[in-house]
Amino acid sequence: MPSHDLTSKIKEIRSKSGMSQDAFAGILGVSKSKIQNIESGKQRVDHDFLRGLAVHFTVDINALLTDSPAPPQTDDVNCTSNQFIKVPRLEVEASAGNGSEVSSEAGTQAYAFNRKWLDKRGLKPNTLSVISVRGDSMEPDLNDGDLVLIDLANTDLADGKIYAVQYSGNLFVKRVQYIPGDTVRLVSRNAQYAPIEIKTPEADGVRVVGRVVASMHEW
């Protein structure tokens, strides 16, 4: 079993990166359950895992294995390997509240995702984008400032899934619920926010930007 200090350092690296366990696993090319087991002390940290941290998060393995504080890391993930795909972050915020106005959508920076992780989920790199969330209406699922991975090719609304939806000039991140009679309800996770009901979405100018397929969340 890994030492308490080592598991704490690994969890700190993930937390400082603002990543969920699922996203962290995707970067390292391992399963989410492995991250869970390592952070809970149930699974031994092997050499390949440490090497992945060193390469993709630019950490010092020696510092990880000693009593030194958690090693520093750079802001950018190392993407020299063709095992990783850079996904652009768009300069736009999606509201998890009452709506955010859509302005510039030019890419400002990129985030790296493991190619195998994307392939396993049937995601194509050229149809993906990362955007930030603003507001608290989707808490605790999505917090203010979280980053979400959007599949721009997935615009067919499925009941119960979370989408980025543009409506009345605003961009929302909401869970979709179908109501009989050709009505779509955009539902918040936070009960303090009333759902938004849209009758005949196509006629009302609703544009589905894409489905939220992953989030980077800081605990």
Foldseek 3Di string as FASTA:
>chain_A
DDDLLLLVLVLVLLQVLLADLCQVCQQLVHHSVVNVCSNVVNDDDDPSSLVSCCQFFVFDSVCSPDPHHRGHGDNATHDPDPQKDWAFEFPAEAELADFDAGDGGDTDGTHIGGNVSCVVVPADRVQKYKYAYADDQQPPVHHHGKIFIFRQVAQDQDAQFWFFKAAPRGTHTFGWHDDPQQKIWGHTNHPVGDIDIDHNCVVRPMGTRGTTDGIRHRD
